[in-house]
Every structure is written in C-alpha cells, then in structure tokens.
Protein backbone atom coordinates (compact mmCIF):
# COMPACT_ATOMS: atom_id res chain seq x y z
CA MET A 1 -15.27 -45.03 -38.27
CA SER A 2 -18.16 -43.76 -37.53
CA ALA A 3 -18.76 -40.01 -35.42
CA HIS A 4 -19.34 -41.66 -31.91
CA SER A 5 -18.74 -40.58 -28.79
CA VAL A 6 -15.66 -41.83 -26.75
CA GLN A 7 -16.44 -42.52 -22.68
CA PRO A 8 -12.91 -41.29 -21.00
CA GLU A 9 -10.39 -43.82 -19.78
CA GLY A 10 -11.69 -45.68 -16.36
CA SER A 11 -15.34 -44.26 -16.57
CA ALA A 12 -16.73 -47.23 -14.70
CA SER A 13 -14.97 -46.51 -11.83
CA THR A 14 -16.52 -44.85 -8.85
CA GLY A 15 -13.50 -44.08 -6.51
CA PRO A 16 -9.76 -43.31 -7.21
CA SER A 17 -7.41 -45.95 -9.23
CA GLY A 18 -5.93 -48.58 -7.28
CA GLY A 19 -3.80 -51.66 -8.19
CA ASN A 20 -0.55 -50.87 -10.34
CA GLU A 21 -2.41 -47.97 -12.15
CA PRO A 22 -1.24 -44.18 -11.44
CA SER A 23 -2.90 -42.70 -8.47
CA VAL A 24 -5.44 -40.38 -9.46
CA MET A 25 -5.20 -36.77 -7.95
CA VAL A 26 -8.72 -35.47 -9.36
CA HIS A 27 -11.99 -37.58 -9.88
CA LEU A 28 -15.01 -35.99 -11.99
CA ARG A 29 -18.21 -38.09 -11.64
CA ASP A 30 -21.40 -37.00 -14.46
CA ILE A 31 -20.64 -33.44 -13.66
CA HIS A 32 -23.30 -31.16 -15.41
CA LYS A 33 -23.57 -27.46 -16.16
CA GLN A 34 -26.23 -25.88 -17.51
CA TYR A 35 -26.30 -22.33 -17.57
CA PRO A 36 -29.89 -20.36 -16.89
CA GLY A 37 -31.29 -19.49 -20.45
CA GLN A 38 -29.11 -22.01 -22.54
CA SER A 39 -30.63 -24.90 -24.35
CA THR A 40 -27.96 -27.32 -24.26
CA ALA A 41 -25.86 -28.08 -21.48
CA ALA A 42 -21.97 -26.16 -21.16
CA VAL A 43 -20.69 -29.79 -19.71
CA GLU A 44 -22.73 -32.74 -19.92
CA ASN A 45 -22.26 -35.18 -17.73
CA LEU A 46 -18.54 -35.56 -17.54
CA SER A 47 -16.56 -38.27 -16.14
CA LEU A 48 -12.75 -38.07 -16.02
CA ASP A 49 -9.98 -39.35 -13.95
CA ILE A 50 -6.51 -37.04 -13.65
CA HIS A 51 -3.63 -38.96 -12.54
CA GLU A 52 -1.31 -37.30 -9.84
CA GLY A 53 1.53 -35.90 -11.52
CA GLU A 54 0.44 -35.53 -14.97
CA ILE A 55 -0.43 -32.51 -17.44
CA PHE A 56 -3.54 -33.09 -18.01
CA SER A 57 -5.05 -30.95 -21.12
CA LEU A 58 -8.77 -30.03 -21.77
CA LEU A 59 -8.66 -29.14 -25.70
CA GLY A 60 -11.32 -28.31 -27.98
CA PRO A 61 -12.90 -24.98 -29.63
CA SER A 62 -14.74 -21.90 -28.15
CA GLY A 63 -17.71 -23.14 -26.19
CA CYS A 64 -17.04 -26.66 -25.86
CA GLY A 65 -16.95 -26.27 -21.94
CA LYS A 66 -13.42 -26.99 -21.32
CA THR A 67 -13.21 -23.52 -19.17
CA THR A 68 -16.66 -24.23 -17.25
CA THR A 69 -14.87 -27.75 -16.42
CA LEU A 70 -11.76 -26.12 -15.33
CA ARG A 71 -13.58 -23.67 -13.31
CA MET A 72 -15.93 -26.15 -11.49
CA VAL A 73 -12.65 -28.44 -10.51
CA ALA A 74 -11.65 -24.45 -9.21
CA GLY A 75 -14.72 -23.65 -6.91
CA LEU A 76 -15.50 -20.91 -9.54
CA GLU A 77 -18.77 -22.71 -11.08
CA MET A 78 -20.81 -24.85 -9.20
CA PRO A 79 -22.18 -28.26 -11.29
CA ASP A 80 -26.29 -28.87 -11.43
CA HIS A 81 -25.26 -32.27 -10.32
CA GLY A 82 -22.28 -34.42 -9.68
CA SER A 83 -18.78 -34.71 -7.94
CA ILE A 84 -15.69 -33.91 -7.76
CA HIS A 85 -12.97 -36.04 -5.45
CA PHE A 86 -9.17 -34.59 -4.80
CA LYS A 87 -7.73 -37.83 -4.02
CA ASP A 88 -10.10 -39.12 -1.56
CA ARG A 89 -11.12 -35.84 -0.22
CA PRO A 90 -14.49 -34.94 -1.40
CA ILE A 91 -14.91 -31.23 -3.02
CA VAL A 92 -18.10 -31.10 -4.43
CA VAL A 93 -20.87 -33.91 -3.91
CA THR A 94 -23.80 -31.95 -5.02
CA SER A 95 -26.53 -35.19 -3.96
CA LYS A 96 -24.80 -34.85 -0.24
CA ASN A 97 -24.89 -30.89 -0.53
CA ILE A 98 -20.76 -30.99 0.02
CA TYR A 99 -19.02 -27.87 -1.27
CA VAL A 100 -15.56 -27.01 -0.63
CA PRO A 101 -14.81 -23.31 -1.13
CA PRO A 102 -12.00 -22.17 -4.17
CA GLU A 103 -9.46 -21.18 -0.97
CA LYS A 104 -9.55 -24.42 0.84
CA ARG A 105 -8.86 -26.48 -2.30
CA GLN A 106 -5.05 -26.05 -2.32
CA ILE A 107 -4.93 -25.09 -5.94
CA GLY A 108 -3.08 -22.83 -7.76
CA MET A 109 -4.20 -21.29 -11.29
CA VAL A 110 -3.14 -18.62 -13.66
CA PHE A 111 -5.70 -17.31 -15.86
CA GLN A 112 -5.67 -15.84 -19.53
CA SER A 113 -5.60 -12.32 -18.28
CA TYR A 114 -2.42 -12.69 -15.63
CA ALA A 115 -3.94 -10.12 -12.90
CA ILE A 116 -0.42 -8.65 -12.16
CA TRP A 117 -1.11 -5.87 -9.38
CA PRO A 118 0.94 -2.84 -11.07
CA HIS A 119 1.05 -0.88 -7.88
CA MET A 120 3.51 -3.30 -6.20
CA THR A 121 6.98 -4.94 -7.23
CA VAL A 122 7.57 -8.42 -8.44
CA ALA A 123 7.72 -9.74 -5.03
CA GLN A 124 4.75 -7.94 -3.51
CA ASN A 125 3.10 -9.29 -5.99
CA ILE A 126 3.92 -13.17 -5.38
CA ALA A 127 3.91 -12.70 -1.44
CA TYR A 128 0.36 -11.74 -1.58
CA PRO A 129 -1.69 -15.37 -1.21
CA LEU A 130 0.97 -16.17 1.23
CA LYS A 131 0.28 -12.83 3.30
CA ALA A 132 -3.37 -13.79 3.29
CA ARG A 133 -2.88 -16.39 4.69
CA LYS A 134 -1.34 -14.83 7.55
CA LEU A 135 2.18 -17.16 7.47
CA PRO A 136 5.33 -15.78 9.04
CA ALA A 137 7.20 -12.91 7.80
CA LYS A 138 10.69 -14.79 7.51
CA GLU A 139 8.83 -17.84 5.86
CA VAL A 140 6.80 -15.51 3.25
CA GLU A 141 10.15 -14.47 2.36
CA ARG A 142 12.08 -17.92 1.67
CA ARG A 143 9.28 -18.94 -0.08
CA VAL A 144 9.37 -15.82 -2.42
CA GLN A 145 12.85 -15.86 -3.11
CA SER A 146 12.72 -19.64 -3.78
CA ILE A 147 9.81 -19.58 -6.40
CA LEU A 148 11.54 -16.66 -8.15
CA ASP A 149 14.88 -18.60 -8.59
CA LEU A 150 12.91 -21.37 -9.72
CA VAL A 151 10.77 -18.99 -12.69
CA GLY A 152 14.61 -17.43 -13.19
CA MET A 153 13.35 -13.95 -11.75
CA GLY A 154 15.13 -13.76 -8.98
CA HIS A 155 17.16 -10.73 -9.65
CA LEU A 156 14.07 -8.69 -10.46
CA ALA A 157 12.08 -8.95 -6.72
CA GLN A 158 12.00 -5.41 -6.59
CA ARG A 159 11.37 -4.34 -9.99
CA SER A 160 8.18 -2.73 -10.61
CA ALA A 161 5.31 -4.67 -11.90
CA MET A 162 4.71 -1.87 -14.95
CA LEU A 163 8.12 -2.58 -15.92
CA LEU A 164 7.72 -6.03 -16.99
CA SER A 165 7.24 -8.22 -20.61
CA GLY A 166 4.52 -10.23 -20.91
CA GLY A 167 6.85 -13.14 -20.39
CA GLN A 168 7.95 -11.58 -17.16
CA GLN A 169 4.08 -10.77 -16.33
CA GLN A 170 3.50 -14.97 -17.18
CA ARG A 171 6.11 -15.79 -14.67
CA VAL A 172 4.95 -13.90 -11.92
CA ALA A 173 1.56 -15.06 -12.39
CA LEU A 174 2.92 -18.80 -12.48
CA ALA A 175 5.19 -17.77 -9.40
CA ARG A 176 2.19 -16.59 -7.76
CA ALA A 177 -0.09 -19.33 -7.90
CA LEU A 178 2.96 -21.74 -6.95
CA VAL A 179 4.64 -20.23 -4.02
CA TYR A 180 1.91 -21.60 -1.41
CA GLU A 181 2.56 -24.89 -2.64
CA PRO A 182 -0.56 -26.31 -4.15
CA SER A 183 -1.91 -29.68 -4.78
CA ILE A 184 -3.14 -28.74 -8.46
CA LEU A 185 -1.93 -26.17 -10.81
CA LEU A 186 -4.85 -25.17 -13.48
CA LEU A 187 -4.03 -23.29 -16.50
CA ASP A 188 -7.20 -21.81 -18.44
CA GLU A 189 -4.94 -20.77 -21.91
CA PRO A 190 -2.15 -18.91 -19.89
CA PHE A 191 -0.14 -18.06 -23.08
CA SER A 192 -3.16 -16.25 -25.44
CA ASN A 193 -1.43 -12.84 -24.66
CA LEU A 194 2.13 -14.03 -25.77
CA ASP A 195 3.76 -13.52 -29.22
CA THR A 196 4.61 -17.31 -31.08
CA LYS A 197 8.07 -17.42 -29.81
CA LEU A 198 7.48 -16.36 -26.52
CA ARG A 199 4.58 -18.94 -26.43
CA GLU A 200 7.06 -21.63 -27.46
CA GLN A 201 9.81 -20.52 -25.05
CA MET A 202 6.78 -20.71 -22.44
CA ARG A 203 5.41 -24.30 -22.76
CA ILE A 204 8.83 -25.21 -22.55
CA GLU A 205 9.73 -23.86 -19.35
CA ILE A 206 6.38 -24.95 -17.74
CA LYS A 207 7.03 -28.74 -18.53
CA MET A 208 10.55 -28.43 -17.46
CA LEU A 209 9.00 -26.79 -14.21
CA GLN A 210 5.85 -29.55 -13.82
CA GLN A 211 9.01 -31.86 -14.07
CA LYS A 212 10.57 -30.60 -11.27
CA LEU A 213 7.87 -30.06 -8.90
CA GLY A 214 6.03 -32.96 -9.87
CA ILE A 215 2.88 -31.25 -9.32
CA THR A 216 -0.83 -32.05 -11.27
CA VAL A 217 -1.52 -29.47 -14.27
CA LEU A 218 -4.95 -29.49 -15.72
CA PHE A 219 -4.43 -27.13 -18.59
CA VAL A 220 -7.35 -25.64 -21.15
CA THR A 221 -6.71 -24.55 -24.42
CA HIS A 222 -7.91 -24.22 -28.14
CA ASP A 223 -4.28 -24.71 -29.11
CA GLN A 224 -3.98 -27.90 -30.39
CA VAL A 225 -0.05 -27.44 -30.58
CA GLU A 226 -0.02 -26.76 -27.24
CA ALA A 227 -2.27 -29.72 -26.16
CA LEU A 228 0.20 -31.82 -28.02
CA SER A 229 3.37 -30.51 -26.87
CA LEU A 230 2.80 -30.24 -22.89
CA SER A 231 0.23 -33.39 -21.81
CA SER A 232 1.14 -36.33 -20.76
CA ARG A 233 -2.55 -37.30 -21.38
CA LEU A 234 -5.72 -34.86 -23.43
CA ALA A 235 -9.33 -34.94 -23.80
CA VAL A 236 -10.62 -33.76 -26.93
CA MET A 237 -14.09 -31.62 -26.16
CA HIS A 238 -17.16 -31.03 -28.39
CA GLN A 239 -20.46 -29.45 -27.27
CA GLY A 240 -20.19 -30.39 -23.58
CA VAL A 241 -19.03 -33.61 -24.21
CA ILE A 242 -15.55 -35.61 -23.80
CA GLN A 243 -14.83 -37.29 -27.53
CA GLN A 244 -11.54 -39.45 -26.58
CA VAL A 245 -9.31 -39.40 -23.97
CA GLY A 246 -5.44 -40.62 -24.29
CA THR A 247 -1.83 -39.92 -25.19
CA PRO A 248 -1.10 -36.96 -27.57
CA ARG A 249 0.21 -39.81 -29.73
CA ALA A 250 -3.01 -41.81 -29.38
CA LEU A 251 -5.57 -39.13 -30.24
CA TYR A 252 -3.05 -38.06 -33.04
CA GLU A 253 -2.71 -41.06 -34.65
CA ARG A 254 -5.89 -43.02 -33.89
CA PRO A 255 -8.54 -40.82 -33.54
CA ALA A 256 -11.96 -42.29 -32.53
CA ASN A 257 -14.21 -40.27 -34.65
CA SER A 258 -14.60 -37.36 -37.09
CA ILE A 259 -14.50 -34.64 -34.40
CA VAL A 260 -11.10 -35.68 -32.83
CA ARG A 261 -9.39 -36.35 -36.78
CA ASP A 262 -10.64 -32.96 -38.01
CA PHE A 263 -9.47 -30.93 -34.62
CA ILE A 264 -6.45 -32.48 -33.81
CA GLY A 265 -3.98 -31.93 -37.07
CA ARG A 266 -4.84 -31.94 -40.77
CA SER A 267 -6.17 -34.52 -42.68
CA VAL A 268 -6.08 -35.64 -46.16
CA LEU A 269 -9.50 -37.37 -46.97
CA LEU A 270 -10.07 -39.18 -50.18
CA LYS A 271 -12.97 -40.75 -51.89
CA ALA A 272 -12.45 -44.32 -52.13
CA ARG A 273 -14.61 -47.40 -53.45
CA ALA A 274 -14.64 -50.84 -50.71
CA GLY A 275 -13.24 -54.23 -52.46
CA ALA A 276 -14.39 -57.65 -51.51
CA SER A 277 -11.76 -58.63 -48.86
CA ARG A 278 -12.38 -58.17 -45.68
CA THR A 279 -8.82 -58.60 -43.53
CA PRO A 280 -7.18 -56.59 -44.62
CA LEU A 281 -9.70 -54.16 -46.22
CA ASP A 282 -9.08 -53.76 -49.75
CA VAL A 283 -9.69 -50.34 -50.89
CA PHE A 284 -9.42 -48.53 -53.98
CA VAL A 285 -8.58 -44.79 -55.16
CA ASP A 286 -9.54 -44.22 -58.46
CA ASP A 287 -7.20 -40.91 -59.83
CA GLY A 288 -8.21 -41.12 -63.36
CA GLU A 289 -4.60 -43.28 -64.30
CA GLY A 290 -5.40 -46.84 -63.14
CA GLY A 291 -5.83 -45.61 -59.71
CA VAL A 292 -4.16 -47.69 -56.90
CA HIS A 293 -5.51 -50.42 -54.32
CA TYR A 294 -4.85 -50.46 -50.91
CA ALA A 295 -4.78 -52.87 -48.55
CA VAL A 296 -6.24 -51.29 -45.11
CA ARG A 297 -6.07 -52.86 -41.27
CA GLN A 298 -10.34 -52.34 -40.41
CA PRO A 299 -10.89 -50.18 -37.60
CA ASP A 300 -11.45 -51.59 -34.31
CA GLY A 301 -14.97 -52.55 -33.55
CA GLU A 302 -16.17 -51.48 -37.12
CA ARG A 303 -18.12 -53.31 -39.36
CA ALA A 304 -16.78 -53.98 -42.63
CA PRO A 305 -18.47 -51.99 -45.50
CA ALA A 306 -19.74 -53.60 -48.31
CA ALA A 307 -17.78 -54.69 -51.67
CA GLY A 308 -18.21 -51.76 -53.72
CA ASN A 309 -19.59 -48.89 -50.89
CA ASP A 310 -18.15 -45.82 -50.64
CA VAL A 311 -15.95 -44.75 -48.55
CA HIS A 312 -13.39 -42.19 -47.08
CA LEU A 313 -9.78 -42.48 -46.67
CA SER A 314 -7.96 -40.35 -44.32
CA VAL A 315 -4.11 -39.66 -43.63
CA ARG A 316 -2.13 -37.07 -42.45
CA PRO A 317 -0.07 -34.93 -44.94
CA GLU A 318 3.18 -35.58 -43.66
CA ASP A 319 2.36 -39.36 -44.10
CA ILE A 320 2.46 -38.38 -47.91
CA ARG A 321 5.70 -38.57 -49.89
CA ILE A 322 5.60 -36.40 -52.78
CA ARG A 323 7.91 -37.15 -55.59
CA ALA A 324 8.22 -36.25 -59.40
CA ALA A 325 6.34 -38.33 -61.87
CA GLY A 326 8.59 -39.68 -64.79
CA GLY A 327 9.92 -43.61 -65.43
CA ASP A 328 7.62 -46.19 -66.94
CA VAL A 329 5.93 -47.51 -63.18
CA LYS A 330 4.20 -45.62 -61.20
CA GLN A 331 4.51 -47.75 -58.55
CA ALA A 332 1.13 -48.09 -56.48
CA ALA A 333 1.21 -43.82 -56.65
CA LEU A 334 -1.70 -41.65 -56.88
CA ALA A 335 -1.60 -39.15 -59.89
CA GLY A 336 -2.02 -35.59 -59.48
CA VAL A 337 -1.02 -31.89 -60.30
CA VAL A 338 0.93 -29.52 -57.88
CA GLU A 339 -1.85 -26.36 -58.02
CA ALA A 340 -0.28 -24.46 -55.38
CA ALA A 341 2.96 -24.45 -53.81
CA LEU A 342 3.78 -22.57 -50.63
CA PHE A 343 7.44 -22.18 -48.85
CA GLU A 344 6.86 -22.09 -45.25
CA GLY A 345 10.73 -21.79 -44.26
CA GLU A 346 11.22 -25.60 -42.53
CA ARG A 347 9.11 -27.17 -45.46
CA THR A 348 7.03 -26.34 -48.62
CA GLU A 349 3.54 -26.97 -48.51
CA PHE A 350 1.90 -28.29 -51.75
CA ARG A 351 -2.02 -28.06 -53.05
CA VAL A 352 -2.39 -30.73 -55.28
CA ARG A 353 -5.45 -32.01 -57.44
CA ILE A 354 -6.29 -35.34 -57.68
CA ALA A 355 -8.87 -36.41 -60.71
CA GLY A 356 -12.54 -36.88 -59.08
CA GLN A 357 -10.92 -35.71 -55.44
CA ALA A 358 -11.37 -32.58 -53.68
CA PRO A 359 -7.72 -30.85 -53.81
CA ILE A 360 -5.47 -32.13 -51.01
CA TYR A 361 -2.30 -30.58 -48.98
CA VAL A 362 0.94 -32.03 -49.13
CA TYR A 363 3.58 -31.43 -47.03
CA GLY A 364 7.05 -31.63 -48.84
CA ASP A 365 11.04 -30.97 -48.03
CA ARG A 366 11.54 -27.26 -48.10
CA ARG A 367 13.95 -28.23 -50.93
CA ASP A 368 11.56 -29.57 -53.41
CA GLY A 369 11.21 -27.50 -56.45
CA PHE A 370 7.73 -28.88 -57.41
CA VAL A 371 5.97 -25.97 -59.58
CA GLU A 372 2.34 -24.76 -60.34
CA GLY A 373 1.02 -26.96 -63.03
CA GLU A 374 3.77 -29.79 -62.66
CA LYS A 375 2.76 -33.43 -62.40
CA VAL A 376 3.50 -35.45 -59.11
CA TRP A 377 3.24 -38.84 -57.96
CA LEU A 378 2.07 -39.44 -54.06
CA ASP A 379 3.10 -42.57 -52.21
CA ILE A 380 1.08 -43.11 -49.35
CA PRO A 381 2.00 -46.13 -47.10
CA ALA A 382 -1.10 -48.47 -46.56
CA ASP A 383 -0.22 -48.32 -42.72
CA ARG A 384 -1.23 -44.65 -42.49
CA ILE A 385 -4.68 -45.38 -43.88
CA SER A 386 -8.12 -45.18 -41.89
CA VAL A 387 -11.10 -46.09 -43.45
CA TRP A 388 -13.94 -43.63 -42.38
C-alpha cells in the first residue's frame, strides 16, 4: 500500500447526513488553523462528521492537531477558515462571520487538569455552572443530586474537594460537565493524570455512562488503547491531516497507510519478493531454510508489484503462532531463533531472529517456555498479511 492520506467518510457532502445514515451531530468542513510564526498548519483543511450518540476519538501523537480541532469545536480557538455546524445550527462559518461563543454552544468539557475548586464541596463544584446560568435553587439541587448518583458519588456531596482522590476528582469534573445536560461532551486527554488501573476503570465507566445518556462524545487522546476500547469510530491524525476514519476494528485490521499501521498497535514487517501471479498475489519470504510462499489478497486500489520486485509484508504479532521446531516437515512455517523472552503475566513476548530479516516480536502464551537461542517455527496465516 502506498502512504497516502484518506479523506474521512462523507467528505463529499455539504450538510448533515440524510436518509438511513446516522444523524450528524458535529459537522466540520474545510477547517484550517495555522498559528502565527508557524511554517505549517496545526489543522489543514479538515472535514469530518461526528454522528449523534457516538463516541468519536481523535487519535495521534503530540502536535498532530487533535487538541486544536477539539478546541475549535469548543469555541476556544477560531479557525482561519471553514465551518462548524451542530446538526443544522451554524456555530462557525468564517465566510459569513458567524461565531457562536463557547457558553452558547451547549457543550460540556473535561480537560487534562480537572480544575476542581479546592475551597468548595463536591456538590458546590458541580452546582457552579447551574448557578452561573441562574437556575432556581431547587432545580440546581435536583440536578446535582441526580448527576452525583449517576457517577456513583451521591454519598460524597458534602465532602471537601481537597479530600478527593484522583479518580474522584475526575468523576466530579465529569459530573460538572454533564450537569447542565449538554448536547456534546468534549474530553481532552481526561485520563492522563490517573494510574493504569484507574484509567482502565474510568474507561469502562465513561463508556457505560455515555450509553445511559446517549450523549455525543468527542474524545482526544494519544493513547491507542483508550481510543480503540472507547470509540464507536475514530480518526488518526498526523501533522494536521486526517489519515483515516473508521471503526476501531477497521483501522486496526485494514490500515490505509503506513502512518495508521505503525501508530495503531505493533506491526511485524518482513522483507519479501513478489511472484508472477496476480490474484491472489504470490509473495516469497526467504528465511534461509527454503523460505515460504504466501498467497495474499492484493490491496484494493493498489497496483500489483511486478514479478521479482521487493515488497514488505505486514502482520500483527498476535496473528503469528510460535511453535517448537521439530518433526520432518516445516509445514509452510518460517524458521527463526529466539533472541529474548519477556514474561509479561498474561502473555510472553518473544524477540525472534529470521535470517535476512530485522528482529521481530511475537506474542506467545504465558505458558510457552521457549528460551534464548532455541530454534522455533512461525506460522503466519496468509489472510492476515498485507502487502506494502
């Protein structure tokens, strides 16, 4: 596959989806943002539809433009040009000088720093945005208690914010963002201050909470596990450009280019040579012991490499089966030697050397007892291989 950028789904449309397609909650078109003094754009002509009631993640490394995009949706940054609609409501249309301020966008937001006021109780922290909107006291009390119960903190309403753990502070920030019933919830790296186990717990809680409320969530993260586990759909960004949009499974199993492939999960790359056949494509990997021919599906829209051309094969480490070398027949397996074995609890990770290849990593069962220097055979299903 060539390394090309893929436009997001529905990029040719000019308005919210119709027909049987999901209703569009957030509609961005040709959003461009370049900061003064910078030679490149932070976000470059981005177009994207976020569906109503889904968790949509923007995933990418630091500086890729994901937080800038979220801040433009929130109203904390103004695009140089482009438009943003919430359903049919224009929020930003630069060509018509339309700009709706953040407080009128009906959004909730949780930042990396939870901004919990230490001099207030839990209930007072959550009530603040309602009081700022001058809601009646009884309505404020009702909403605060309701959202506290929803996030499992009803018994802590009168506790001082200074006495909260990191996880409790995150729940308070989430409750405060949800208490005035926003149409869209924006989450900017909300788990970055939590330890590993608490991050896992909060991912589950937020997903269950979103399902209960049916709210649309735009989630920004650099953590692929968070994006894959939480998202209905996600977009991978790189240098201000969306590389691919789709479901977590689609992006993991069918990356559009090497940027997406290498950012989501780990990939094993093997040098290979193209054969003469076209459908399926014949590729040969030389392992110094006769090698293996694989019949693989040619990627959609890609030109088949000429016979004899060098190509690279990509496969996920968990799709490779490692087994002891032995018996009379290698059975279409690659021969390798274990260079290192790392026991990780739920699995063992092996670094394996194949003749003529860079070292690769393979995930084995935690009970696999292969040791450094041991010869092994690697079984790779042809239907899990992609050609690059």
